[in-house]
Amino acid sequence: MKNMKHKIVIAAFILMAGTFLFSAFGATRAALITSGIYDSKFEMYDIGVTLNENSEPRAWRSYDSASRDWYVNGETSLFSTLDTIRYGVTYPERLSVRNSGQIDEYVRVTIYKYWIDRNGKKAPAMDPDLIDLNLLTGDNGWIVDESYSTKERTVLYYTKPLKGSKALKGGELSSDFADAMTLDKDIKNYVKQETTAYDETSGYTIITTEYIYDGCQFCIDVEVDAIQTHNAEDAALSAWGRAIEIADDGTLSLGKEGQ
């Protein structure tokens, strides 16, 4: 992170989806990470952010000015109302961000989709496109940063500043940036077949079929960062390494790649 004149606080949250065994889904959790530096004009507690799932807060870091203490939830469950997740079935997964701090802020969301193999290691050869998190962008205020997005990673920015509030977790709520999750129904068709034996007497060939994704985990990680609106262009370049432009009406747009 570059040390610039206008410095910021960043709060980030990671949500991880759990085990997939063709019809089984393990418990999910959210882990909270924080980092950053901040301008001396602002106390660290002035900024806060909450990640919502289906209208319920799941992970947050905010400050309670009444108790003068941090209000943090770094462990939570996604899909907590579901016992199993089946391929080919679409499940509601509405994700949004609330400003749970006192000062106005801009927010960025980074989504990672990937697979973990049976040995607990990340499997880059497995297709993240089989994990479909339906994104909502465009007129609702969310835009995709194509320059920094890949097949595994999608970066979103909310173009509108979210207003803060002195009431704990009472700040402005963004529109949803996702509304559903589906595991591709064709996962069961990804198989590996090997001839393991041949019986000359009967003429039968024994073929072993292995379901490639059986016993693997699918993961959806969602990271949410916030920067203050004060000198936001400098703050974004310092915190995110990304040039942004703020119009007179407060609308955020992305600068050219490399700026």
Protein backbone atom coordinates (compact mmCIF):
# COMPACT_ATOMS: atom_id res chain seq x y z
CA MET A 1 0.00 0.00 0.00
CA LYS A 2 1.39 3.38 -1.00
CA ASN A 3 1.75 6.05 1.65
CA MET A 4 -0.13 9.08 0.33
CA LYS A 5 -1.29 12.32 1.83
CA HIS A 6 -4.90 11.27 2.25
CA LYS A 7 -4.97 7.92 3.97
CA ILE A 8 -7.87 5.61 4.65
CA VAL A 9 -9.24 2.79 6.71
CA ILE A 10 -10.23 -0.41 4.97
CA ALA A 11 -12.60 -3.05 6.36
CA ALA A 12 -12.85 -6.29 4.41
CA PHE A 13 -14.90 -9.45 4.85
CA ILE A 14 -14.52 -12.89 3.33
CA LEU A 15 -17.36 -15.37 2.96
CA MET A 16 -16.51 -18.94 2.07
CA ALA A 17 -18.93 -21.55 0.76
CA GLY A 18 -18.43 -25.14 1.88
CA THR A 19 -18.27 -28.75 0.77
CA PHE A 20 -20.05 -30.09 -2.30
CA LEU A 21 -20.61 -33.84 -2.71
CA PHE A 22 -23.05 -33.82 -5.60
CA SER A 23 -25.93 -33.23 -3.17
CA ALA A 24 -24.31 -32.41 0.15
CA PHE A 25 -23.29 -28.96 1.32
CA GLY A 26 -21.11 -28.36 4.35
CA ALA A 27 -21.29 -25.50 6.81
CA THR A 28 -20.08 -22.14 5.59
CA ARG A 29 -18.33 -19.38 7.46
CA ALA A 30 -17.20 -15.83 7.13
CA ALA A 31 -13.82 -14.59 8.27
CA LEU A 32 -13.10 -10.94 8.96
CA ILE A 33 -9.86 -9.29 7.92
CA THR A 34 -8.91 -5.67 8.36
CA SER A 35 -6.00 -3.56 7.28
CA GLY A 36 -5.17 0.00 6.45
CA ILE A 37 -4.01 3.37 7.59
CA TYR A 38 -6.10 6.43 8.22
CA ASP A 39 -6.14 10.19 8.01
CA SER A 40 -5.55 11.95 11.32
CA LYS A 41 -8.72 13.98 10.75
CA PHE A 42 -10.81 10.85 11.22
CA GLU A 43 -10.98 8.42 14.09
CA MET A 44 -10.74 4.77 13.00
CA TYR A 45 -14.24 4.08 14.31
CA ASP A 46 -15.78 6.62 11.91
CA ILE A 47 -15.89 4.04 9.11
CA GLY A 48 -17.68 0.71 9.08
CA VAL A 49 -19.15 -1.75 6.61
CA THR A 50 -21.53 -4.71 6.76
CA LEU A 51 -22.07 -7.52 4.25
CA ASN A 52 -25.71 -8.66 4.07
CA GLU A 53 -27.03 -12.01 2.86
CA ASN A 54 -30.75 -12.24 2.05
CA SER A 55 -31.40 -9.03 4.03
CA GLU A 56 -29.58 -10.36 7.11
CA PRO A 57 -26.21 -8.98 8.30
CA ARG A 58 -23.55 -11.70 8.07
CA ALA A 59 -20.21 -9.98 8.62
CA TRP A 60 -19.36 -6.49 9.79
CA ARG A 61 -16.87 -4.21 11.46
CA SER A 62 -18.25 -1.03 12.98
CA TYR A 63 -17.78 1.11 16.05
CA ASP A 64 -20.35 1.67 18.79
CA SER A 65 -19.80 5.23 19.94
CA ALA A 66 -22.01 4.69 23.00
CA SER A 67 -19.93 1.84 24.41
CA ARG A 68 -16.73 3.04 22.72
CA ASP A 69 -16.07 -0.45 21.49
CA TRP A 70 -15.79 -2.27 18.17
CA TYR A 71 -18.83 -4.13 16.96
CA VAL A 72 -17.39 -7.04 15.01
CA ASN A 73 -18.71 -10.30 13.63
CA GLY A 74 -16.03 -12.33 11.95
CA GLU A 75 -17.64 -15.79 12.02
CA THR A 76 -20.96 -16.57 10.39
CA SER A 77 -22.76 -19.06 8.16
CA LEU A 78 -23.99 -18.72 4.61
CA PHE A 79 -26.96 -20.75 3.37
CA SER A 80 -27.72 -21.37 7.04
CA THR A 81 -31.35 -22.24 6.27
CA LEU A 82 -30.38 -25.04 3.87
CA ASP A 83 -29.40 -28.58 4.80
CA THR A 84 -28.20 -29.50 1.31
CA ILE A 85 -27.44 -27.81 -1.96
CA ARG A 86 -28.15 -29.75 -5.15
CA TYR A 87 -26.72 -29.17 -8.57
CA GLY A 88 -29.00 -27.56 -11.10
CA VAL A 89 -31.15 -25.92 -8.41
CA THR A 90 -31.14 -22.13 -8.03
CA TYR A 91 -31.01 -20.80 -4.47
CA PRO A 92 -31.73 -17.22 -3.35
CA GLU A 93 -28.46 -15.51 -2.50
CA ARG A 94 -29.07 -11.77 -2.30
CA LEU A 95 -25.91 -9.95 -1.30
CA SER A 96 -25.65 -6.26 -0.49
CA VAL A 97 -23.51 -3.83 1.51
CA ARG A 98 -24.53 -1.44 4.27
CA ASN A 99 -22.54 1.51 5.55
CA SER A 100 -22.43 0.69 9.25
CA GLY A 101 -20.08 3.55 10.10
CA GLN A 102 -20.58 7.23 10.76
CA ILE A 103 -18.95 8.77 7.69
CA ASP A 104 -19.96 8.47 4.03
CA GLU A 105 -18.02 5.90 2.01
CA TYR A 106 -17.51 4.22 -1.35
CA VAL A 107 -17.42 0.43 -1.44
CA ARG A 108 -15.76 -2.20 -3.58
CA VAL A 109 -16.63 -5.91 -3.73
CA THR A 110 -14.24 -8.63 -4.89
CA ILE A 111 -15.69 -12.08 -5.57
CA TYR A 112 -13.59 -15.23 -5.96
CA LYS A 113 -14.97 -18.54 -7.23
CA TYR A 114 -12.81 -21.67 -7.15
CA TRP A 115 -12.62 -25.35 -6.20
CA ILE A 116 -10.78 -27.24 -3.47
CA ASP A 117 -9.82 -30.83 -4.30
CA ARG A 118 -10.21 -33.90 -2.10
CA ASN A 119 -6.79 -33.28 -0.56
CA GLY A 120 -7.79 -29.84 0.60
CA LYS A 121 -5.74 -28.01 -2.02
CA LYS A 122 -6.91 -25.34 -4.42
CA ALA A 123 -7.66 -26.87 -7.84
CA PRO A 124 -7.07 -24.25 -10.56
CA ALA A 125 -7.82 -26.79 -13.30
CA MET A 126 -11.42 -27.13 -12.09
CA ASP A 127 -13.84 -24.76 -13.77
CA PRO A 128 -15.08 -21.82 -11.65
CA ASP A 129 -17.80 -21.17 -14.24
CA LEU A 130 -19.63 -24.22 -12.85
CA ILE A 131 -20.30 -22.07 -9.78
CA ASP A 132 -22.85 -19.48 -10.89
CA LEU A 133 -23.36 -16.48 -8.62
CA ASN A 134 -25.86 -14.37 -10.53
CA LEU A 135 -24.58 -10.79 -10.48
CA LEU A 136 -26.71 -7.67 -10.78
CA THR A 137 -24.96 -4.75 -12.43
CA GLY A 138 -25.78 -1.71 -14.51
CA ASP A 139 -28.76 0.46 -13.63
CA ASN A 140 -28.68 -0.65 -9.98
CA GLY A 141 -25.41 1.19 -9.34
CA TRP A 142 -22.92 -1.70 -9.45
CA ILE A 143 -20.29 -1.80 -12.21
CA VAL A 144 -17.74 -4.48 -13.09
CA ASP A 145 -14.07 -3.56 -13.33
CA GLU A 146 -13.23 -5.58 -16.42
CA SER A 147 -9.56 -4.57 -16.25
CA TYR A 148 -9.07 -6.32 -12.92
CA SER A 149 -11.50 -9.21 -13.33
CA THR A 150 -10.57 -12.75 -14.40
CA LYS A 151 -12.41 -16.03 -14.79
CA GLU A 152 -11.92 -16.68 -11.08
CA ARG A 153 -12.16 -13.11 -9.77
CA THR A 154 -14.79 -10.41 -10.33
CA VAL A 155 -14.32 -6.87 -9.04
CA LEU A 156 -17.36 -4.63 -8.53
CA TYR A 157 -17.69 -0.98 -7.52
CA TYR A 158 -20.77 0.79 -6.22
CA THR A 159 -20.99 4.07 -8.08
CA LYS A 160 -22.97 5.86 -5.39
CA PRO A 161 -21.60 6.95 -2.02
CA LEU A 162 -23.27 5.19 0.91
CA LYS A 163 -24.23 7.62 3.65
CA GLY A 164 -23.16 6.91 7.21
CA SER A 165 -25.19 7.27 10.39
CA LYS A 166 -24.49 7.87 14.06
CA ALA A 167 -26.88 5.03 14.83
CA LEU A 168 -24.98 1.73 14.99
CA LYS A 169 -25.40 -0.17 11.70
CA GLY A 170 -27.93 2.45 10.62
CA GLY A 171 -26.22 3.74 7.50
CA GLU A 172 -27.36 3.52 3.91
CA LEU A 173 -27.85 0.15 2.20
CA SER A 174 -26.68 -0.56 -1.35
CA SER A 175 -28.75 -2.35 -3.92
CA ASP A 176 -28.11 -6.09 -4.27
CA PHE A 177 -25.04 -7.05 -6.29
CA ALA A 178 -26.11 -10.73 -6.50
CA ASP A 179 -29.44 -12.50 -6.15
CA ALA A 180 -28.97 -16.25 -6.73
CA MET A 181 -26.48 -19.11 -6.72
CA THR A 182 -26.57 -22.28 -8.83
CA LEU A 183 -24.19 -25.21 -9.20
CA ASP A 184 -24.19 -26.31 -12.83
CA LYS A 185 -26.36 -29.38 -13.42
CA ASP A 186 -23.73 -30.78 -15.80
CA ILE A 187 -21.20 -31.29 -12.98
CA LYS A 188 -22.28 -34.94 -12.82
CA ASN A 189 -21.22 -35.35 -16.45
CA TYR A 190 -17.59 -34.50 -15.74
CA VAL A 191 -16.14 -38.00 -15.51
CA LYS A 192 -12.84 -39.77 -16.02
CA GLN A 193 -12.95 -43.32 -17.35
CA GLU A 194 -10.12 -45.83 -17.25
CA THR A 195 -9.90 -49.41 -18.46
CA THR A 196 -8.69 -51.36 -15.46
CA ALA A 197 -8.98 -54.98 -16.66
CA TYR A 198 -9.90 -57.19 -19.61
CA ASP A 199 -11.32 -60.70 -19.28
CA GLU A 200 -10.23 -62.69 -22.36
CA THR A 201 -12.61 -65.56 -21.58
CA SER A 202 -15.78 -63.46 -21.39
CA GLY A 203 -14.58 -60.67 -23.60
CA TYR A 204 -15.69 -58.13 -20.99
CA THR A 205 -13.71 -54.98 -20.39
CA ILE A 206 -13.86 -53.46 -16.91
CA ILE A 207 -14.01 -49.68 -17.02
CA THR A 208 -13.69 -47.57 -13.89
CA THR A 209 -15.62 -44.28 -13.89
CA GLU A 210 -14.58 -41.47 -11.58
CA TYR A 211 -16.71 -38.37 -11.04
CA ILE A 212 -14.14 -35.60 -11.17
CA TYR A 213 -15.94 -33.17 -8.84
CA ASP A 214 -17.08 -35.78 -6.32
CA GLY A 215 -15.67 -35.03 -2.87
CA CYS A 216 -14.47 -31.54 -3.83
CA GLN A 217 -15.37 -28.20 -2.29
CA PHE A 218 -16.73 -25.22 -4.16
CA CYS A 219 -15.85 -21.83 -2.71
CA ILE A 220 -17.29 -18.36 -3.12
CA ASP A 221 -15.26 -15.70 -1.33
CA VAL A 222 -16.70 -12.19 -1.10
CA GLU A 223 -14.47 -9.35 0.08
CA VAL A 224 -15.94 -5.91 0.81
CA ASP A 225 -13.74 -2.81 1.26
CA ALA A 226 -14.74 0.76 2.05
CA ILE A 227 -12.98 4.09 1.67
CA GLN A 228 -14.02 7.49 2.90
CA THR A 229 -15.60 9.92 0.43
CA HIS A 230 -13.26 12.68 1.56
CA ASN A 231 -10.52 12.90 -1.11
CA ALA A 232 -11.81 9.58 -2.45
CA GLU A 233 -9.69 9.60 -5.60
CA ASP A 234 -6.45 9.71 -3.60
CA ALA A 235 -7.85 7.25 -1.07
CA ALA A 236 -8.77 4.72 -3.79
CA LEU A 237 -5.34 4.94 -5.39
CA SER A 238 -3.68 4.45 -2.01
CA ALA A 239 -5.89 1.62 -0.76
CA TRP A 240 -6.96 -0.15 -3.92
CA GLY A 241 -4.21 0.79 -6.36
CA ARG A 242 -7.00 1.83 -8.70
CA ALA A 243 -7.67 5.17 -10.35
CA ILE A 244 -11.25 6.35 -9.94
CA GLU A 245 -13.02 9.55 -10.89
CA ILE A 246 -15.68 11.26 -8.80
CA ALA A 247 -18.18 13.48 -10.63
CA ASP A 248 -19.66 16.65 -9.16
CA ASP A 249 -22.78 14.72 -8.12
CA GLY A 250 -20.66 12.12 -6.27
CA THR A 251 -20.91 9.36 -8.90
CA LEU A 252 -17.87 7.06 -9.04
CA SER A 253 -16.44 5.91 -12.37
CA LEU A 254 -13.29 3.98 -13.16
CA GLY A 255 -10.20 5.67 -14.50
CA LYS A 256 -8.14 4.23 -17.31
CA GLU A 257 -6.17 1.09 -16.52
CA GLY A 258 -2.69 1.88 -15.28
CA GLN A 259 -3.54 5.27 -13.87
